[in-house]
Amino acid sequence: MSYLVLASTALAALGLTALTRRLALNSSLLDVPNDRSSHTTPTPRGGGVGFVGAFYLAVLVDSYLLGGQLAGANGVAIVLLTLPLAVVGFLDDRGHVSAGVRYLIQLGVALGTIWHLGPAHVPWPEAFAPVQTYLSVGLAAFFLTALINFYNFMDGLDGILAGCVAVQLVAFAFLLKQPLWLLLAGAVLGFLPLNWHKARIFMGDVGSTLLGASVGIALATSQASVTALAPALALTLPITLDSGYTIFRRLLLRENIFKAHKKHIYQRLNQSGWSHGKVAGTYVGLNLVLVALASLLPALPATLGALGLCLACLVTAEVYLGKRGRSVSVDPPSGG
């Protein structure tokens, strides 16, 4: 029965995404290319409505008709708690919601979710015992809002975010014993055929922020031990390391980190000549390798191995991009 639910969720997401695309085209809801874009033709946006809607519907069906085989006891609560985030993302895709309002909603969703589900176990020093619950909730909420934004930053190339998150969610279902995320993974996989290069629709904020929140909820509310949680946390490195490193690099260059840009590693690889599919495939492939490490090795070697591998990839990418940039700068112009 579970396999039927997952297949139905994927098909529902595919159908809802196709419908969303048609409605976006009819209403001219298009992402028009600008100097920060990685695409060259106007493309419908807001496709996250398709997989978010399919995920929510699957959770409700599983919870009320199938006894919560996959959604578990917290599935409906997660739908209700994340709904404001999806609504604000939907509105932002269709107009403009200020950054301040968006962050307040993100923070409210994070605090409400962490408070309701409980934060992950953090071994605080004994001196913090009287306030450790509040510290744990605050730390988890900060972590969750950071992931929402980091994942949103990575939704700038066809298929890259959807592909990586689908892999991560399947892994969380087994590593953290949270089968709920199989439903969202199935929905994202149903969306992916229309989002892989050349994308026929973009997920928009309604999709990217929900994905970031879901990954954050899976980790920040897990009741697994820190040792067991570490390899799962390491699965986010292809996303979080790129985003975190880019912010750090821009700070060093004294750039305004709140200004839109095209300086993520994945964007710079695309600008260097890599196709959308090659960049996205590399990131998804790296995530699959990290899942293999987390599944086959003890927690500490898996975590350290993941961190070492991702750092090595980051250094290799910077060396490659540096050489590529110097090569382009000295090449004579073609044509005549």
Protein backbone atom coordinates (compact mmCIF):
# COMPACT_ATOMS: atom_id res chain seq x y z
CA MET A 1 0.00 0.00 0.00
CA SER A 2 2.85 2.41 0.85
CA TYR A 3 4.35 2.00 -2.63
CA LEU A 4 0.96 2.80 -4.18
CA VAL A 5 0.73 5.96 -2.06
CA LEU A 6 4.21 7.07 -3.13
CA ALA A 7 3.51 6.42 -6.82
CA SER A 8 0.18 8.24 -6.58
CA THR A 9 1.89 11.19 -4.88
CA ALA A 10 4.47 11.44 -7.66
CA LEU A 11 1.79 11.28 -10.36
CA ALA A 12 -0.34 13.85 -8.53
CA ALA A 13 2.66 16.19 -8.32
CA LEU A 14 3.37 15.76 -12.02
CA GLY A 15 -0.24 16.51 -12.92
CA LEU A 16 -0.56 19.47 -10.57
CA THR A 17 2.74 20.90 -11.81
CA ALA A 18 1.61 20.61 -15.43
CA LEU A 19 -1.66 22.34 -14.49
CA THR A 20 0.24 25.07 -12.62
CA ARG A 21 2.43 25.60 -15.68
CA ARG A 22 -0.59 26.04 -17.93
CA LEU A 23 -2.19 28.51 -15.53
CA ALA A 24 1.08 30.44 -15.22
CA LEU A 25 1.37 30.69 -19.01
CA ASN A 26 -2.23 31.85 -19.34
CA SER A 27 -1.71 34.55 -16.70
CA SER A 28 1.78 35.52 -17.95
CA LEU A 29 3.31 34.57 -14.60
CA LEU A 30 6.80 34.23 -16.05
CA ASP A 31 10.33 34.52 -14.73
CA VAL A 32 11.82 36.92 -17.28
CA PRO A 33 15.63 36.62 -17.62
CA ASN A 34 17.80 39.42 -16.24
CA ASP A 35 21.51 39.87 -15.61
CA ARG A 36 21.34 37.57 -12.57
CA SER A 37 19.45 34.77 -14.31
CA SER A 38 20.88 31.44 -15.43
CA HIS A 39 18.10 30.93 -17.99
CA THR A 40 17.67 32.72 -21.29
CA THR A 41 13.96 32.42 -22.08
CA PRO A 42 10.90 33.49 -20.03
CA THR A 43 9.80 30.50 -17.95
CA PRO A 44 6.70 29.93 -15.81
CA ARG A 45 7.38 30.07 -12.07
CA GLY A 46 5.55 28.93 -8.96
CA GLY A 47 5.70 25.25 -9.89
CA GLY A 48 6.31 24.34 -6.28
CA VAL A 49 2.55 24.57 -5.86
CA GLY A 50 2.37 21.23 -7.66
CA PHE A 51 4.57 19.19 -5.37
CA VAL A 52 3.64 21.06 -2.19
CA GLY A 53 -0.04 20.46 -2.92
CA ALA A 54 0.57 16.80 -3.74
CA PHE A 55 2.59 16.35 -0.53
CA TYR A 56 -0.08 17.98 1.63
CA LEU A 57 -2.81 15.90 0.00
CA ALA A 58 -0.81 12.69 0.44
CA VAL A 59 -0.25 13.42 4.13
CA LEU A 60 -3.97 14.00 4.69
CA VAL A 61 -4.98 10.86 2.78
CA ASP A 62 -2.40 8.73 4.55
CA SER A 63 -3.29 10.14 7.97
CA TYR A 64 -7.08 9.94 7.76
CA LEU A 65 -7.68 7.01 5.42
CA LEU A 66 -4.62 4.75 5.80
CA GLY A 67 -3.84 5.03 9.48
CA GLY A 68 -0.76 7.19 9.09
CA GLN A 69 1.49 4.43 7.74
CA LEU A 70 3.94 6.99 6.34
CA ALA A 71 2.75 10.34 7.72
CA GLY A 72 2.92 9.15 11.31
CA ALA A 73 1.53 11.05 14.27
CA ASN A 74 2.96 14.44 13.28
CA GLY A 75 2.17 14.56 9.56
CA VAL A 76 -0.96 16.71 9.78
CA ALA A 77 0.70 19.01 12.32
CA ILE A 78 3.63 19.59 9.97
CA VAL A 79 1.21 20.43 7.14
CA LEU A 80 -0.58 23.02 9.30
CA LEU A 81 2.63 24.45 10.75
CA THR A 82 4.33 24.91 7.36
CA LEU A 83 1.24 26.16 5.53
CA PRO A 84 1.94 29.86 6.31
CA LEU A 85 5.38 29.49 4.76
CA ALA A 86 3.92 27.99 1.59
CA VAL A 87 1.26 30.72 1.39
CA VAL A 88 3.83 33.53 1.71
CA GLY A 89 6.02 31.86 -0.90
CA PHE A 90 3.01 31.59 -3.21
CA LEU A 91 2.23 35.29 -2.75
CA ASP A 92 5.87 36.28 -3.25
CA ASP A 93 6.02 34.33 -6.51
CA ARG A 94 3.06 36.37 -7.75
CA GLY A 95 4.10 39.78 -6.52
CA HIS A 96 6.44 40.97 -3.83
CA VAL A 97 6.51 40.29 -0.12
CA SER A 98 9.13 42.26 1.79
CA ALA A 99 12.16 40.44 3.16
CA GLY A 100 11.19 41.47 6.69
CA VAL A 101 7.73 39.94 6.43
CA ARG A 102 9.13 36.77 4.86
CA TYR A 103 11.65 36.33 7.67
CA LEU A 104 9.04 36.95 10.37
CA ILE A 105 6.88 34.21 8.86
CA GLN A 106 9.90 31.89 8.63
CA LEU A 107 10.79 32.56 12.26
CA GLY A 108 7.20 32.06 13.38
CA VAL A 109 6.95 28.76 11.52
CA ALA A 110 10.30 27.64 12.92
CA LEU A 111 9.44 28.52 16.54
CA GLY A 112 5.97 27.00 16.29
CA THR A 113 7.23 23.79 14.74
CA ILE A 114 10.12 23.35 17.16
CA TRP A 115 7.96 24.15 20.17
CA HIS A 116 5.22 21.74 19.07
CA LEU A 117 7.43 18.83 17.97
CA GLY A 118 10.30 19.40 20.38
CA PRO A 119 13.91 20.26 19.49
CA ALA A 120 16.62 17.74 18.76
CA HIS A 121 18.61 16.65 21.79
CA VAL A 122 21.56 18.96 22.46
CA PRO A 123 23.92 18.02 25.32
CA TRP A 124 24.16 21.42 27.06
CA PRO A 125 26.63 21.91 29.95
CA GLU A 126 25.05 21.45 33.39
CA ALA A 127 25.28 25.17 34.09
CA PHE A 128 22.67 25.79 31.38
CA ALA A 129 20.20 23.24 32.78
CA PRO A 130 17.61 25.83 33.95
CA VAL A 131 17.30 27.34 30.48
CA GLN A 132 18.38 24.49 28.21
CA THR A 133 14.88 24.02 26.76
CA TYR A 134 14.74 27.65 25.63
CA LEU A 135 18.30 27.48 24.30
CA SER A 136 17.51 24.31 22.36
CA VAL A 137 14.36 25.82 20.87
CA GLY A 138 16.18 29.04 19.94
CA LEU A 139 19.13 27.21 18.39
CA ALA A 140 16.83 24.87 16.45
CA ALA A 141 14.72 27.79 15.19
CA PHE A 142 17.83 29.68 14.04
CA PHE A 143 19.08 26.53 12.30
CA LEU A 144 15.72 26.00 10.61
CA THR A 145 15.44 29.57 9.29
CA ALA A 146 19.04 29.39 8.04
CA LEU A 147 18.25 26.23 6.08
CA ILE A 148 15.10 27.78 4.60
CA ASN A 149 17.20 30.60 3.17
CA PHE A 150 20.22 28.48 2.20
CA TYR A 151 18.00 26.14 0.22
CA ASN A 152 16.20 29.06 -1.38
CA PHE A 153 19.59 30.45 -2.49
CA MET A 154 20.35 27.18 -4.29
CA ASP A 155 17.23 27.27 -6.46
CA GLY A 156 18.97 29.00 -9.34
CA LEU A 157 19.69 26.24 -11.83
CA ASP A 158 17.43 23.66 -13.47
CA GLY A 159 16.91 20.58 -11.33
CA ILE A 160 19.69 21.19 -8.81
CA LEU A 161 17.63 21.83 -5.68
CA ALA A 162 14.84 19.35 -6.44
CA GLY A 163 17.35 16.61 -7.28
CA CYS A 164 19.48 17.10 -4.16
CA VAL A 165 16.52 17.38 -1.79
CA ALA A 166 14.83 14.27 -3.19
CA VAL A 167 17.98 12.28 -2.34
CA GLN A 168 18.25 13.84 1.12
CA LEU A 169 14.61 13.22 2.02
CA VAL A 170 14.75 9.53 1.06
CA ALA A 171 17.87 9.18 3.22
CA PHE A 172 16.23 10.96 6.18
CA ALA A 173 13.27 8.59 6.00
CA PHE A 174 15.58 5.68 6.77
CA LEU A 175 18.48 7.19 8.71
CA LEU A 176 16.23 9.20 11.03
CA LYS A 177 13.28 6.77 10.88
CA GLN A 178 10.93 9.48 9.58
CA PRO A 179 8.96 7.85 6.72
CA LEU A 180 6.87 11.01 6.31
CA TRP A 181 9.61 12.45 4.10
CA LEU A 182 9.13 9.67 1.54
CA LEU A 183 5.86 11.39 0.65
CA LEU A 184 7.60 14.70 -0.03
CA ALA A 185 10.41 12.93 -1.90
CA GLY A 186 7.82 11.23 -4.11
CA ALA A 187 6.15 14.58 -4.80
CA VAL A 188 9.48 16.22 -5.67
CA LEU A 189 10.36 13.36 -8.02
CA GLY A 190 7.02 13.91 -9.75
CA PHE A 191 7.91 17.57 -10.21
CA LEU A 192 11.49 16.95 -11.38
CA PRO A 193 10.76 15.91 -15.01
CA LEU A 194 9.33 19.38 -15.66
CA ASN A 195 12.16 21.12 -13.80
CA TRP A 196 15.21 19.33 -15.23
CA HIS A 197 17.03 21.15 -18.00
CA LYS A 198 15.57 22.61 -20.02
CA ALA A 199 13.13 23.49 -17.27
CA ARG A 200 9.54 24.04 -18.34
CA ILE A 201 8.68 25.54 -14.97
CA PHE A 202 10.57 26.80 -11.90
CA MET A 203 9.54 25.86 -8.37
CA GLY A 204 9.67 29.43 -7.00
CA ASP A 205 9.74 30.40 -3.33
CA VAL A 206 6.62 28.37 -2.58
CA GLY A 207 8.68 25.26 -3.34
CA SER A 208 12.22 26.16 -2.28
CA THR A 209 11.28 27.50 1.15
CA LEU A 210 9.08 24.48 1.89
CA LEU A 211 11.94 22.15 0.94
CA GLY A 212 14.39 24.01 3.15
CA ALA A 213 11.90 23.97 6.02
CA SER A 214 11.26 20.25 5.59
CA VAL A 215 14.95 19.39 5.70
CA GLY A 216 15.30 21.63 8.75
CA ILE A 217 12.33 20.05 10.51
CA ALA A 218 13.63 16.54 9.85
CA LEU A 219 16.94 17.41 11.48
CA ALA A 220 16.00 19.99 14.12
CA THR A 221 13.20 17.87 15.62
CA SER A 222 14.90 14.49 15.36
CA GLN A 223 15.10 12.62 18.66
CA ALA A 224 18.10 10.63 17.50
CA SER A 225 21.35 10.98 19.39
CA VAL A 226 23.88 13.57 18.24
CA THR A 227 26.09 10.72 17.02
CA ALA A 228 23.31 9.27 14.88
CA LEU A 229 22.18 12.71 13.70
CA ALA A 230 25.60 13.86 12.47
CA PRO A 231 25.73 11.74 9.26
CA ALA A 232 22.22 12.91 8.33
CA LEU A 233 23.23 16.53 8.91
CA ALA A 234 26.27 15.98 6.67
CA LEU A 235 23.93 15.15 3.77
CA THR A 236 23.03 18.84 3.55
CA LEU A 237 26.65 19.86 2.83
CA PRO A 238 26.31 20.18 -0.97
CA ILE A 239 23.71 22.89 -0.26
CA THR A 240 24.87 24.44 3.00
CA LEU A 241 28.58 24.50 2.16
CA ASP A 242 27.98 26.24 -1.17
CA SER A 243 25.64 28.79 0.43
CA GLY A 244 27.74 29.36 3.54
CA TYR A 245 31.01 29.61 1.64
CA THR A 246 29.50 32.07 -0.85
CA ILE A 247 28.30 34.35 1.96
CA PHE A 248 31.73 34.18 3.63
CA ARG A 249 33.51 34.89 0.34
CA ARG A 250 31.29 37.89 -0.40
CA LEU A 251 31.90 39.26 3.10
CA LEU A 252 35.65 39.01 2.52
CA LEU A 253 35.19 40.92 -0.73
CA ARG A 254 33.14 43.53 1.20
CA GLU A 255 30.08 42.93 -0.95
CA ASN A 256 26.50 43.47 0.16
CA ILE A 257 25.38 39.94 1.04
CA PHE A 258 21.72 40.98 0.86
CA LYS A 259 22.03 42.00 -2.80
CA ALA A 260 21.10 39.46 -5.46
CA HIS A 261 24.07 37.92 -7.26
CA LYS A 262 25.37 34.99 -9.34
CA LYS A 263 28.39 34.01 -7.27
CA HIS A 264 27.48 30.62 -5.86
CA ILE A 265 29.82 27.82 -6.87
CA TYR A 266 27.05 26.18 -8.89
CA GLN A 267 26.33 29.42 -10.74
CA ARG A 268 29.99 30.06 -11.47
CA LEU A 269 30.40 26.51 -12.81
CA ASN A 270 27.50 27.17 -15.16
CA GLN A 271 29.05 30.48 -16.24
CA SER A 272 32.35 28.68 -16.90
CA GLY A 273 30.67 26.53 -19.55
CA TRP A 274 29.12 23.64 -17.65
CA SER A 275 25.56 22.86 -18.71
CA HIS A 276 22.66 22.98 -16.27
CA GLY A 277 22.45 19.19 -16.41
CA LYS A 278 26.15 18.72 -15.72
CA VAL A 279 26.14 21.02 -12.70
CA ALA A 280 22.91 19.60 -11.26
CA GLY A 281 24.04 16.04 -11.95
CA THR A 282 27.33 16.66 -10.15
CA TYR A 283 25.58 17.99 -7.05
CA VAL A 284 23.03 15.17 -7.02
CA GLY A 285 25.82 12.63 -7.57
CA LEU A 286 27.77 14.07 -4.64
CA ASN A 287 24.67 13.74 -2.48
CA LEU A 288 24.32 10.10 -3.48
CA VAL A 289 27.94 9.46 -2.46
CA LEU A 290 27.25 11.07 0.93
CA VAL A 291 24.20 8.83 1.38
CA ALA A 292 26.40 5.80 0.65
CA LEU A 293 28.91 6.95 3.29
CA ALA A 294 26.14 7.51 5.86
CA SER A 295 24.62 4.09 5.11
CA LEU A 296 27.79 1.98 5.03
CA LEU A 297 30.14 3.55 7.61
CA PRO A 298 29.89 4.20 11.36
CA ALA A 299 28.68 7.68 12.29
CA LEU A 300 32.01 9.40 12.94
CA PRO A 301 33.89 8.15 9.83
CA ALA A 302 30.80 8.85 7.69
CA THR A 303 30.50 12.41 8.97
CA LEU A 304 34.21 13.22 8.73
CA GLY A 305 34.40 11.55 5.32
CA ALA A 306 31.46 13.62 4.05
CA LEU A 307 32.98 16.84 5.36
CA GLY A 308 36.39 16.04 3.89
CA LEU A 309 34.94 15.09 0.52
CA CYS A 310 32.80 18.23 0.27
CA LEU A 311 35.67 20.49 1.30
CA ALA A 312 37.88 18.80 -1.30
CA CYS A 313 35.19 19.40 -3.93
CA LEU A 314 34.95 23.05 -2.90
CA VAL A 315 38.71 23.58 -3.17
CA THR A 316 38.83 21.73 -6.49
CA ALA A 317 35.99 23.86 -7.85
CA GLU A 318 37.73 27.09 -6.80
CA VAL A 319 41.02 26.00 -8.40
CA TYR A 320 39.21 25.00 -11.58
CA LEU A 321 37.23 28.23 -11.73
CA GLY A 322 40.37 30.26 -11.08
CA LYS A 323 42.22 28.58 -13.93
CA ARG A 324 39.17 28.80 -16.15
CA GLY A 325 38.86 32.52 -15.45
CA ARG A 326 42.51 33.17 -16.26
CA SER A 327 42.19 31.13 -19.45
CA VAL A 328 39.16 33.12 -20.59
CA SER A 329 40.85 36.42 -19.75
CA VAL A 330 43.85 35.71 -21.99
CA ASP A 331 42.00 34.11 -24.91
CA PRO A 332 41.81 36.44 -27.93
CA PRO A 333 38.30 37.40 -29.02
CA SER A 334 36.88 35.19 -31.76
CA GLY A 335 35.16 36.26 -34.95
CA GLY A 336 35.92 39.33 -36.90
